[in-house]
Structures are given as C-alpha cells and as structure tokens.
Amino acid sequence: MREYLELGHAEPVPISDVDKHVSEVFYLPMHIVYKSSSTTIKVRAVFDASAKSSTGISFNDTLLVGPTVDS
C-alpha cells in the first residue's frame, strides 16, 4: 500500500469524507492475496471494481463499453 501512495496511485481518505454523499466518487475495495507456493511474488493486491456500492452501482458499471478485442 505504501508503494501505491508513493506513486500517487492511491491517497488516504479522511474518515470525515467517508460518509459524504458525493456523486461520481468510488472507493475501490482492495485486499491482499497470499500465495505461499509462488516462487516469485508471494503477495499481491487484488482490486474489486465490480463490488456494488450502497447505491447498487459498481465502478465497472460506470465505464463505457468498448469493442471486443479477442477474436
């Protein structure tokens, strides 16, 4: 998480802002996955953009649908 903060890919959300109802703001749920059998990366961050917010809308729901790229 520290690396995400240092690179500017994430920023802390003050507790006072968490309950504010601001349109078009999504908090991306994240959790850590451990894979002890891996010989390279044993820990990775997983983000869930399909998780529904309290409004029933996910971040993925707000994205425009593009063309299918696989043949």
PDB file of N, CA and C in Angstrom:
ATOM      1  N   MET A   1       0.837  -1.189   0.000  1.00  0.00           N
ATOM      2  CA  MET A   1       0.000   0.000   0.000  1.00  0.00           C
ATOM      3  C   MET A   1       0.876   1.244   0.000  1.00  0.00           C
ATOM      4  N   ARG A   2       1.983   1.182   0.719  1.00  0.00           N
ATOM      5  CA  ARG A   2       2.888   2.332   0.775  1.00  0.00           C
ATOM      6  C   ARG A   2       3.357   2.714  -0.634  1.00  0.00           C
ATOM      7  N   GLU A   3       3.663   1.699  -1.449  1.00  0.00           N
ATOM      8  CA  GLU A   3       4.127   1.977  -2.809  1.00  0.00           C
ATOM      9  C   GLU A   3       3.033   2.665  -3.631  1.00  0.00           C
ATOM     10  N   TYR A   4       1.793   2.233  -3.486  1.00  0.00           N
ATOM     11  CA  TYR A   4       0.688   2.883  -4.196  1.00  0.00           C
ATOM     12  C   TYR A   4       0.588   4.355  -3.792  1.00  0.00           C
ATOM     13  N   LEU A   5       0.744   4.630  -2.511  1.00  0.00           N
ATOM     14  CA  LEU A   5       0.697   6.013  -2.021  1.00  0.00           C
ATOM     15  C   LEU A   5       1.856   6.824  -2.577  1.00  0.00           C
ATOM     16  N   GLU A   6       3.072   6.262  -2.527  1.00  0.00           N
ATOM     17  CA  GLU A   6       4.262   6.969  -3.009  1.00  0.00           C
ATOM     18  C   GLU A   6       4.188   7.263  -4.502  1.00  0.00           C
ATOM     19  N   LEU A   7       3.609   6.355  -5.269  1.00  0.00           N
ATOM     20  CA  LEU A   7       3.493   6.541  -6.718  1.00  0.00           C
ATOM     21  C   LEU A   7       2.313   7.429  -7.113  1.00  0.00           C
ATOM     22  N   GLY A   8       1.482   7.784  -6.142  1.00  0.00           N
ATOM     23  CA  GLY A   8       0.321   8.615  -6.428  1.00  0.00           C
ATOM     24  C   GLY A   8      -0.854   7.844  -6.999  1.00  0.00           C
ATOM     25  N   HIS A   9      -0.810   6.512  -6.889  1.00  0.00           N
ATOM     26  CA  HIS A   9      -1.908   5.682  -7.391  1.00  0.00           C
ATOM     27  C   HIS A   9      -3.039   5.561  -6.378  1.00  0.00           C
ATOM     28  N   ALA A  10      -2.783   5.987  -5.149  1.00  0.00           N
ATOM     29  CA  ALA A  10      -3.785   5.930  -4.081  1.00  0.00           C
ATOM     30  C   ALA A  10      -3.584   7.136  -3.182  1.00  0.00           C
ATOM     31  N   GLU A  11      -4.613   7.474  -2.446  1.00  0.00           N
ATOM     32  CA  GLU A  11      -4.496   8.555  -1.472  1.00  0.00           C
ATOM     33  C   GLU A  11      -5.379   8.236  -0.278  1.00  0.00           C
ATOM     34  N   PRO A  12      -4.953   8.670   0.897  1.00  0.00           N
ATOM     35  CA  PRO A  12      -5.764   8.412   2.088  1.00  0.00           C
ATOM     36  C   PRO A  12      -7.103   9.154   2.006  1.00  0.00           C
ATOM     37  N   VAL A  13      -8.140   8.537   2.522  1.00  0.00           N
ATOM     38  CA  VAL A  13      -9.452   9.175   2.585  1.00  0.00           C
ATOM     39  C   VAL A  13      -9.716   9.504   4.049  1.00  0.00           C
ATOM     40  N   PRO A  14      -9.834  10.793   4.372  1.00  0.00           N
ATOM     41  CA  PRO A  14     -10.124  11.151   5.763  1.00  0.00           C
ATOM     42  C   PRO A  14     -11.456  10.543   6.201  1.00  0.00           C
ATOM     43  N   ILE A  15     -11.505  10.087   7.440  1.00  0.00           N
ATOM     44  CA  ILE A  15     -12.730   9.490   7.981  1.00  0.00           C
ATOM     45  C   ILE A  15     -13.920  10.421   7.783  1.00  0.00           C
ATOM     46  N   SER A  16     -13.686  11.724   7.904  1.00  0.00           N
ATOM     47  CA  SER A  16     -14.784  12.687   7.757  1.00  0.00           C
ATOM     48  C   SER A  16     -15.371  12.686   6.344  1.00  0.00           C
ATOM     49  N   ASP A  17     -14.612  12.201   5.348  1.00  0.00           N
ATOM     50  CA  ASP A  17     -15.092  12.171   3.967  1.00  0.00           C
ATOM     51  C   ASP A  17     -15.794  10.865   3.600  1.00  0.00           C
ATOM     52  N   VAL A  18     -15.625   9.834   4.388  1.00  0.00           N
ATOM     53  CA  VAL A  18     -16.151   8.518   4.029  1.00  0.00           C
ATOM     54  C   VAL A  18     -17.664   8.518   3.910  1.00  0.00           C
ATOM     55  N   ASP A  19     -18.351   9.181   4.804  1.00  0.00           N
ATOM     56  CA  ASP A  19     -19.813   9.164   4.794  1.00  0.00           C
ATOM     57  C   ASP A  19     -20.445  10.269   3.960  1.00  0.00           C
ATOM     58  N   LYS A  20     -19.631  11.125   3.339  1.00  0.00           N
ATOM     59  CA  LYS A  20     -20.198  12.181   2.495  1.00  0.00           C
ATOM     60  C   LYS A  20     -20.775  11.554   1.237  1.00  0.00           C
ATOM     61  N   HIS A  21     -21.893  12.046   0.828  1.00  0.00           N
ATOM     62  CA  HIS A  21     -22.531  11.537  -0.386  1.00  0.00           C
ATOM     63  C   HIS A  21     -22.145  12.443  -1.551  1.00  0.00           C
ATOM     64  N   VAL A  22     -21.078  12.073  -2.213  1.00  0.00           N
ATOM     65  CA  VAL A  22     -20.580  12.841  -3.351  1.00  0.00           C
ATOM     66  C   VAL A  22     -20.807  12.003  -4.600  1.00  0.00           C
ATOM     67  N   SER A  23     -21.425  12.592  -5.611  1.00  0.00           N
ATOM     68  CA  SER A  23     -21.678  11.829  -6.828  1.00  0.00           C
ATOM     69  C   SER A  23     -20.375  11.585  -7.574  1.00  0.00           C
ATOM     70  N   GLU A  24     -20.345  10.488  -8.281  1.00  0.00           N
ATOM     71  CA  GLU A  24     -19.222  10.094  -9.117  1.00  0.00           C
ATOM     72  C   GLU A  24     -17.917   9.903  -8.351  1.00  0.00           C
ATOM     73  N   VAL A  25     -18.012   9.433  -7.132  1.00  0.00           N
ATOM     74  CA  VAL A  25     -16.831   9.064  -6.356  1.00  0.00           C
ATOM     75  C   VAL A  25     -16.974   7.599  -5.983  1.00  0.00           C
ATOM     76  N   PHE A  26     -15.944   6.821  -6.266  1.00  0.00           N
ATOM     77  CA  PHE A  26     -15.966   5.403  -5.937  1.00  0.00           C
ATOM     78  C   PHE A  26     -14.725   5.059  -5.139  1.00  0.00           C
ATOM     79  N   TYR A  27     -14.911   4.255  -4.106  1.00  0.00           N
ATOM     80  CA  TYR A  27     -13.798   3.720  -3.340  1.00  0.00           C
ATOM     81  C   TYR A  27     -13.616   2.287  -3.812  1.00  0.00           C
ATOM     82  N   LEU A  28     -12.451   1.979  -4.314  1.00  0.00           N
ATOM     83  CA  LEU A  28     -12.188   0.673  -4.897  1.00  0.00           C
ATOM     84  C   LEU A  28     -11.760  -0.314  -3.812  1.00  0.00           C
ATOM     85  N   PRO A  29     -12.597  -1.312  -3.518  1.00  0.00           N
ATOM     86  CA  PRO A  29     -12.228  -2.292  -2.497  1.00  0.00           C
ATOM     87  C   PRO A  29     -10.961  -3.048  -2.902  1.00  0.00           C
ATOM     88  N   MET A  30     -10.098  -3.299  -1.935  1.00  0.00           N
ATOM     89  CA  MET A  30      -8.835  -3.975  -2.198  1.00  0.00           C
ATOM     90  C   MET A  30      -8.537  -4.942  -1.069  1.00  0.00           C
ATOM     91  N   HIS A  31      -7.976  -6.076  -1.412  1.00  0.00           N
ATOM     92  CA  HIS A  31      -7.500  -7.000  -0.389  1.00  0.00           C
ATOM     93  C   HIS A  31      -6.210  -7.654  -0.875  1.00  0.00           C
ATOM     94  N   ILE A  32      -5.505  -8.264   0.041  1.00  0.00           N
ATOM     95  CA  ILE A  32      -4.229  -8.896  -0.273  1.00  0.00           C
ATOM     96  C   ILE A  32      -4.437 -10.399  -0.419  1.00  0.00           C
ATOM     97  N   VAL A  33      -3.788 -10.980  -1.434  1.00  0.00           N
ATOM     98  CA  VAL A  33      -3.831 -12.421  -1.643  1.00  0.00           C
ATOM     99  C   VAL A  33      -2.422 -12.963  -1.418  1.00  0.00           C
ATOM    100  N   TYR A  34      -2.324 -13.974  -0.572  1.00  0.00           N
ATOM    101  CA  TYR A  34      -1.053 -14.635  -0.286  1.00  0.00           C
ATOM    102  C   TYR A  34      -1.007 -15.964  -1.028  1.00  0.00           C
ATOM    103  N   LYS A  35       0.113 -16.218  -1.699  1.00  0.00           N
ATOM    104  CA  LYS A  35       0.291 -17.497  -2.384  1.00  0.00           C
ATOM    105  C   LYS A  35       1.663 -18.037  -1.997  1.00  0.00           C
ATOM    106  N   SER A  36       1.696 -18.841  -0.960  1.00  0.00           N
ATOM    107  CA  SER A  36       2.971 -19.328  -0.425  1.00  0.00           C
ATOM    108  C   SER A  36       3.715 -20.232  -1.399  1.00  0.00           C
ATOM    109  N   SER A  37       3.011 -20.854  -2.336  1.00  0.00           N
ATOM    110  CA  SER A  37       3.668 -21.749  -3.292  1.00  0.00           C
ATOM    111  C   SER A  37       4.365 -21.007  -4.427  1.00  0.00           C
ATOM    112  N   SER A  38       4.141 -19.714  -4.549  1.00  0.00           N
ATOM    113  CA  SER A  38       4.752 -18.936  -5.625  1.00  0.00           C
ATOM    114  C   SER A  38       6.253 -18.802  -5.401  1.00  0.00           C
ATOM    115  N   THR A  39       7.011 -18.932  -6.475  1.00  0.00           N
ATOM    116  CA  THR A  39       8.465 -18.771  -6.366  1.00  0.00           C
ATOM    117  C   THR A  39       8.895 -17.342  -6.634  1.00  0.00           C
ATOM    118  N   THR A  40       7.997 -16.510  -7.135  1.00  0.00           N
ATOM    119  CA  THR A  40       8.351 -15.115  -7.424  1.00  0.00           C
ATOM    120  C   THR A  40       7.620 -14.165  -6.491  1.00  0.00           C
ATOM    121  N   ILE A  41       6.374 -13.884  -6.774  1.00  0.00           N
ATOM    122  CA  ILE A  41       5.603 -12.927  -5.976  1.00  0.00           C
ATOM    123  C   ILE A  41       4.631 -13.687  -5.080  1.00  0.00           C
ATOM    124  N   LYS A  42       4.841 -13.613  -3.775  1.00  0.00           N
ATOM    125  CA  LYS A  42       4.000 -14.347  -2.826  1.00  0.00           C
ATOM    126  C   LYS A  42       2.794 -13.540  -2.359  1.00  0.00           C
ATOM    127  N   VAL A  43       2.850 -12.229  -2.541  1.00  0.00           N
ATOM    128  CA  VAL A  43       1.774 -11.354  -2.079  1.00  0.00           C
ATOM    129  C   VAL A  43       1.389 -10.431  -3.225  1.00  0.00           C
ATOM    130  N   ARG A  44       0.090 -10.285  -3.457  1.00  0.00           N
ATOM    131  CA  ARG A  44      -0.354  -9.337  -4.486  1.00  0.00           C
ATOM    132  C   ARG A  44      -1.637  -8.661  -4.033  1.00  0.00           C
ATOM    133  N   ALA A  45      -1.818  -7.455  -4.524  1.00  0.00           N
ATOM    134  CA  ALA A  45      -3.029  -6.696  -4.224  1.00  0.00           C
ATOM    135  C   ALA A  45      -4.088  -7.027  -5.264  1.00  0.00           C
ATOM    136  N   VAL A  46      -5.324  -7.219  -4.809  1.00  0.00           N
ATOM    137  CA  VAL A  46      -6.443  -7.506  -5.706  1.00  0.00           C
ATOM    138  C   VAL A  46      -7.504  -6.434  -5.482  1.00  0.00           C
ATOM    139  N   PHE A  47      -7.934  -5.802  -6.574  1.00  0.00           N
ATOM    140  CA  PHE A  47      -8.943  -4.752  -6.509  1.00  0.00           C
ATOM    141  C   PHE A  47     -10.246  -5.286  -7.091  1.00  0.00           C
ATOM    142  N   ASP A  48     -11.374  -4.901  -6.499  1.00  0.00           N
ATOM    143  CA  ASP A  48     -12.679  -5.405  -6.923  1.00  0.00           C
ATOM    144  C   ASP A  48     -13.549  -4.262  -7.440  1.00  0.00           C
ATOM    145  N   ALA A  49     -13.388  -3.936  -8.722  1.00  0.00           N
ATOM    146  CA  ALA A  49     -14.154  -2.846  -9.328  1.00  0.00           C
ATOM    147  C   ALA A  49     -15.593  -3.245  -9.622  1.00  0.00           C
ATOM    148  N   SER A  50     -15.938  -4.519  -9.422  1.00  0.00           N
ATOM    149  CA  SER A  50     -17.323  -4.948  -9.648  1.00  0.00           C
ATOM    150  C   SER A  50     -18.138  -4.954  -8.357  1.00  0.00           C
ATOM    151  N   ALA A  51     -17.511  -4.612  -7.233  1.00  0.00           N
ATOM    152  CA  ALA A  51     -18.241  -4.550  -5.954  1.00  0.00           C
ATOM    153  C   ALA A  51     -19.249  -3.406  -5.997  1.00  0.00           C
ATOM    154  N   LYS A  52     -20.474  -3.698  -5.614  1.00  0.00           N
ATOM    155  CA  LYS A  52     -21.541  -2.688  -5.625  1.00  0.00           C
ATOM    156  C   LYS A  52     -21.424  -1.775  -4.411  1.00  0.00           C
ATOM    157  N   SER A  53     -21.660  -0.496  -4.629  1.00  0.00           N
ATOM    158  CA  SER A  53     -21.673   0.463  -3.521  1.00  0.00           C
ATOM    159  C   SER A  53     -23.050   0.438  -2.860  1.00  0.00           C
ATOM    160  N   SER A  54     -23.260   1.314  -1.910  1.00  0.00           N
ATOM    161  CA  SER A  54     -24.562   1.372  -1.234  1.00  0.00           C
ATOM    162  C   SER A  54     -25.677   1.795  -2.186  1.00  0.00           C
ATOM    163  N   THR A  55     -25.317   2.379  -3.324  1.00  0.00           N
ATOM    164  CA  THR A  55     -26.310   2.775  -4.325  1.00  0.00           C
ATOM    165  C   THR A  55     -26.659   1.629  -5.266  1.00  0.00           C
ATOM    166  N   GLY A  56     -25.917   0.516  -5.154  1.00  0.00           N
ATOM    167  CA  GLY A  56     -26.143  -0.615  -6.043  1.00  0.00           C
ATOM    168  C   GLY A  56     -25.362  -0.518  -7.334  1.00  0.00           C
ATOM    169  N   ILE A  57     -24.482   0.474  -7.448  1.00  0.00           N
ATOM    170  CA  ILE A  57     -23.687   0.684  -8.658  1.00  0.00           C
ATOM    171  C   ILE A  57     -22.224   0.407  -8.343  1.00  0.00           C
ATOM    172  N   SER A  58     -21.544  -0.281  -9.251  1.00  0.00           N
ATOM    173  CA  SER A  58     -20.116  -0.534  -9.083  1.00  0.00           C
ATOM    174  C   SER A  58     -19.330   0.426  -9.976  1.00  0.00           C
ATOM    175  N   PHE A  59     -18.032   0.506  -9.749  1.00  0.00           N
ATOM    176  CA  PHE A  59     -17.179   1.319 -10.615  1.00  0.00           C
ATOM    177  C   PHE A  59     -17.264   0.805 -12.050  1.00  0.00           C
ATOM    178  N   ASN A  60     -17.241  -0.516 -12.227  1.00  0.00           N
ATOM    179  CA  ASN A  60     -17.332  -1.088 -13.573  1.00  0.00           C
ATOM    180  C   ASN A  60     -18.624  -0.687 -14.278  1.00  0.00           C
ATOM    181  N   ASP A  61     -19.706  -0.539 -13.519  1.00  0.00           N
ATOM    182  CA  ASP A  61     -20.991  -0.148 -14.109  1.00  0.00           C
ATOM    183  C   ASP A  61     -20.928   1.228 -14.761  1.00  0.00           C
ATOM    184  N   THR A  62     -20.006   2.075 -14.324  1.00  0.00           N
ATOM    185  CA  THR A  62     -19.937   3.449 -14.829  1.00  0.00           C
ATOM    186  C   THR A  62     -19.050   3.591 -16.061  1.00  0.00           C
ATOM    187  N   LEU A  63     -18.318   2.540 -16.405  1.00  0.00           N
ATOM    188  CA  LEU A  63     -17.382   2.623 -17.527  1.00  0.00           C
ATOM    189  C   LEU A  63     -18.095   2.412 -18.855  1.00  0.00           C
ATOM    190  N   LEU A  64     -17.603   3.068 -19.880  1.00  0.00           N
ATOM    191  CA  LEU A  64     -18.154   2.880 -21.218  1.00  0.00           C
ATOM    192  C   LEU A  64     -17.730   1.526 -21.759  1.00  0.00           C
ATOM    193  N   VAL A  65     -18.597   0.888 -22.509  1.00  0.00           N
ATOM    194  CA  VAL A  65     -18.296  -0.413 -23.093  1.00  0.00           C
ATOM    195  C   VAL A  65     -17.641  -0.188 -24.444  1.00  0.00           C
ATOM    196  N   GLY A  66     -16.490  -0.790 -24.635  1.00  0.00           N
ATOM    197  CA  GLY A  66     -15.772  -0.672 -25.901  1.00  0.00           C
ATOM    198  C   GLY A  66     -15.949  -1.932 -26.726  1.00  0.00           C
ATOM    199  N   PRO A  67     -15.268  -1.976 -27.865  1.00  0.00           N
ATOM    200  CA  PRO A  67     -15.382  -3.151 -28.729  1.00  0.00           C
ATOM    201  C   PRO A  67     -14.689  -4.365 -28.107  1.00  0.00           C
ATOM    202  N   THR A  68     -15.143  -5.545 -28.483  1.00  0.00           N
ATOM    203  CA  THR A  68     -14.496  -6.779 -28.055  1.00  0.00           C
ATOM    204  C   THR A  68     -13.200  -6.918 -28.836  1.00  0.00           C
ATOM    205  N   VAL A  69     -12.102  -7.184 -28.137  1.00  0.00           N
ATOM    206  CA  VAL A  69     -10.805  -7.232 -28.816  1.00  0.00           C
ATOM    207  C   VAL A  69     -10.311  -8.642 -29.085  1.00  0.00           C
ATOM    208  N   ASP A  70     -10.881  -9.668 -28.436  1.00  0.00           N
ATOM    209  CA  ASP A  70     -10.426 -11.024 -28.734  1.00  0.00           C
ATOM    210  C   ASP A  70     -11.218 -11.600 -29.893  1.00  0.00           C
ATOM    211  N   SER A  71     -10.529 -12.404 -30.672  1.00  0.00           N
ATOM    212  CA  SER A  71     -11.157 -12.970 -31.875  1.00  0.00           C
ATOM    213  C   SER A  71     -11.693 -14.351 -31.617  1.00  0.00           C
TER     214      SER A  71
END
